[in-house]
Amino acid sequence: MPADLGTTNLWLAIIAIANVITLLALAAAAFVVLRLTKKASAVVDKVEQQAAPVIARANALVLEAQHVVDDAKHMVAKVKHANDAVRQTARRQLWPVVGLMRGVSAIASTLKHAPNGRPRATQDDLARERFLNEGGGSHARERNL
């Protein structure tokens, strides 16, 4: 049985050495990560310092653009109000002229389509004349078609 303990002790020593090597490797990795983190932090600080003026200018431009947009909206509202006022004034002032022009147009249209002052024949009048001209009047019960 003592021979078996020697082999066991050898394997236990190998496992202990492997654990120590793993611990040293993890410690080295942690040290490398710590150094890289410090370098990355320094780079981020430099970028923040260099970007701060650019960000400040960008914020100022955004605020100025917002003021321009607000002014444009205000001007559009003023123009709409002025347009509505002009439209209402024009309607109040010009409606008699428009009515007169429409009346003259209606009279001209009527005179154009009614030669010799006779009223235009309607579809019913034309159909009645066609019926009578084709001999339909002699077959109808009523004479006043």
Protein backbone atom coordinates (compact mmCIF):
# COMPACT_ATOMS: atom_id res chain seq x y z
CA MET A 1 0.00 0.00 0.00
CA PRO A 2 2.84 2.47 0.57
CA ALA A 3 3.69 2.29 -3.17
CA ASP A 4 0.24 3.45 -4.03
CA LEU A 5 0.56 6.50 -1.76
CA GLY A 6 3.73 7.55 -3.59
CA THR A 7 1.93 7.57 -6.90
CA THR A 8 -0.97 9.46 -5.34
CA ASN A 9 1.38 12.00 -3.82
CA LEU A 10 3.05 12.46 -7.22
CA TRP A 11 -0.31 13.14 -8.87
CA LEU A 12 -1.29 15.50 -6.06
CA ALA A 13 1.97 17.42 -6.55
CA ILE A 14 1.33 17.64 -10.32
CA ILE A 15 -2.21 18.95 -9.70
CA ALA A 16 -0.89 21.51 -7.16
CA ILE A 17 1.75 22.72 -9.62
CA ALA A 18 -0.91 23.00 -12.37
CA ASN A 19 -3.13 25.02 -10.03
CA VAL A 20 -0.23 27.37 -9.16
CA ILE A 21 0.52 27.83 -12.89
CA THR A 22 -3.17 28.55 -13.55
CA LEU A 23 -3.23 31.05 -10.67
CA LEU A 24 -0.13 32.81 -12.05
CA ALA A 25 -1.66 32.88 -15.54
CA LEU A 26 -4.90 34.40 -14.18
CA ALA A 27 -2.93 36.97 -12.19
CA ALA A 28 -0.92 37.90 -15.32
CA ALA A 29 -4.14 38.18 -17.35
CA ALA A 30 -5.71 40.37 -14.66
CA PHE A 31 -2.59 42.59 -14.67
CA VAL A 32 -2.71 42.93 -18.47
CA VAL A 33 -6.43 43.74 -18.36
CA LEU A 34 -5.77 46.36 -15.66
CA ARG A 35 -3.05 48.02 -17.79
CA LEU A 36 -5.28 47.98 -20.89
CA THR A 37 -8.15 49.44 -18.90
CA LYS A 38 -5.95 52.31 -17.69
CA LYS A 39 -4.79 53.00 -21.25
CA ALA A 40 -8.34 52.88 -22.58
CA SER A 41 -9.49 55.22 -19.82
CA ALA A 42 -6.70 57.67 -20.74
CA VAL A 43 -7.71 57.53 -24.43
CA VAL A 44 -11.38 58.12 -23.54
CA ASP A 45 -10.40 61.12 -21.39
CA LYS A 46 -8.37 62.61 -24.28
CA VAL A 47 -11.26 62.07 -26.71
CA GLU A 48 -13.68 63.71 -24.28
CA GLN A 49 -11.37 66.72 -23.88
CA GLN A 50 -10.96 67.09 -27.65
CA ALA A 51 -14.64 66.50 -28.39
CA ALA A 52 -15.98 68.90 -25.74
CA PRO A 53 -15.57 72.05 -27.93
CA VAL A 54 -17.08 70.27 -30.93
CA ILE A 55 -20.04 69.11 -28.86
CA ALA A 56 -20.51 72.62 -27.45
CA ARG A 57 -20.51 74.08 -31.00
CA ALA A 58 -22.93 71.41 -32.18
CA ASN A 59 -25.29 72.18 -29.29
CA ALA A 60 -25.11 75.91 -30.11
CA LEU A 61 -25.93 75.16 -33.77
CA VAL A 62 -28.87 72.99 -32.76
CA LEU A 63 -30.23 75.77 -30.55
CA GLU A 64 -29.79 78.32 -33.34
CA ALA A 65 -31.50 76.00 -35.82
CA GLN A 66 -34.38 75.59 -33.37
CA HIS A 67 -34.71 79.38 -33.14
CA VAL A 68 -34.73 79.63 -36.95
CA VAL A 69 -37.42 76.94 -37.19
CA ASP A 70 -39.52 78.73 -34.54
CA ASP A 71 -39.16 82.04 -36.41
CA ALA A 72 -40.13 80.34 -39.68
CA LYS A 73 -43.23 78.82 -38.07
CA HIS A 74 -44.15 82.24 -36.69
CA MET A 75 -43.74 83.83 -40.13
CA VAL A 76 -45.82 81.11 -41.79
CA ALA A 77 -48.59 81.74 -39.27
CA LYS A 78 -48.44 85.49 -40.00
CA VAL A 79 -48.60 84.87 -43.77
CA LYS A 80 -51.58 82.51 -43.35
CA HIS A 81 -53.36 85.12 -41.25
CA ALA A 82 -52.64 87.86 -43.81
CA ASN A 83 -53.77 85.57 -46.64
CA ASP A 84 -57.04 84.85 -44.86
CA ALA A 85 -57.61 88.56 -44.22
CA VAL A 86 -56.96 89.42 -47.89
CA ARG A 87 -59.24 86.61 -49.06
CA GLN A 88 -62.08 87.75 -46.79
CA THR A 89 -61.66 91.37 -47.85
CA ALA A 90 -61.63 90.39 -51.51
CA ARG A 91 -64.77 88.32 -51.07
CA ARG A 92 -66.55 91.18 -49.31
CA GLN A 93 -65.46 93.82 -51.81
CA LEU A 94 -65.58 91.88 -55.06
CA TRP A 95 -68.66 89.68 -54.75
CA PRO A 96 -70.92 92.21 -56.53
CA VAL A 97 -68.50 92.33 -59.47
CA VAL A 98 -68.31 88.54 -59.61
CA GLY A 99 -72.10 88.29 -59.50
CA LEU A 100 -72.43 90.84 -62.28
CA MET A 101 -69.89 89.00 -64.43
CA ARG A 102 -71.69 85.70 -63.89
CA GLY A 103 -74.99 87.30 -64.85
CA VAL A 104 -73.51 88.80 -68.02
CA SER A 105 -71.98 85.41 -68.85
CA ALA A 106 -75.35 83.69 -68.39
CA ILE A 107 -77.09 86.24 -70.60
CA ALA A 108 -74.43 85.89 -73.29
CA SER A 109 -74.70 82.09 -73.16
CA THR A 110 -78.48 82.25 -73.47
CA LEU A 111 -78.34 84.62 -76.42
CA LYS A 112 -75.67 82.53 -78.09
CA HIS A 113 -77.75 79.35 -77.94
CA ALA A 114 -81.13 80.95 -78.75
CA PRO A 115 -80.97 82.53 -82.24
CA ASN A 116 -83.63 85.10 -83.21
CA GLY A 117 -84.70 85.44 -79.59
CA ARG A 118 -86.47 82.08 -79.66
CA PRO A 119 -85.91 79.80 -76.69
CA ARG A 120 -83.94 76.65 -77.29
CA ALA A 121 -85.91 73.51 -77.96
CA THR A 122 -85.62 70.94 -75.20
CA GLN A 123 -85.16 67.23 -75.72
CA ASP A 124 -88.88 66.72 -75.10
CA ASP A 125 -89.78 69.31 -77.74
CA LEU A 126 -87.43 67.68 -80.28
CA ALA A 127 -88.84 64.23 -79.55
CA ARG A 128 -92.42 65.54 -79.89
CA GLU A 129 -91.62 67.12 -83.27
CA ARG A 130 -89.93 63.95 -84.50
CA PHE A 131 -92.96 61.88 -83.40
CA LEU A 132 -95.37 64.17 -85.21
CA ASN A 133 -93.21 64.38 -88.34
CA GLU A 134 -93.09 60.60 -88.62
CA GLY A 135 -96.86 60.32 -88.64
CA GLY A 136 -97.28 59.47 -85.01
CA GLY A 137 -99.82 62.23 -84.40
CA SER A 138 -102.58 60.49 -86.40
CA HIS A 139 -102.31 57.37 -84.26
CA ALA A 140 -102.21 59.06 -80.89
CA ARG A 141 -105.29 59.39 -78.74
CA GLU A 142 -104.48 62.93 -77.65
CA ARG A 143 -104.02 65.66 -80.18
CA ASN A 144 -101.83 67.88 -78.03
CA LEU A 145 -98.66 65.86 -78.03
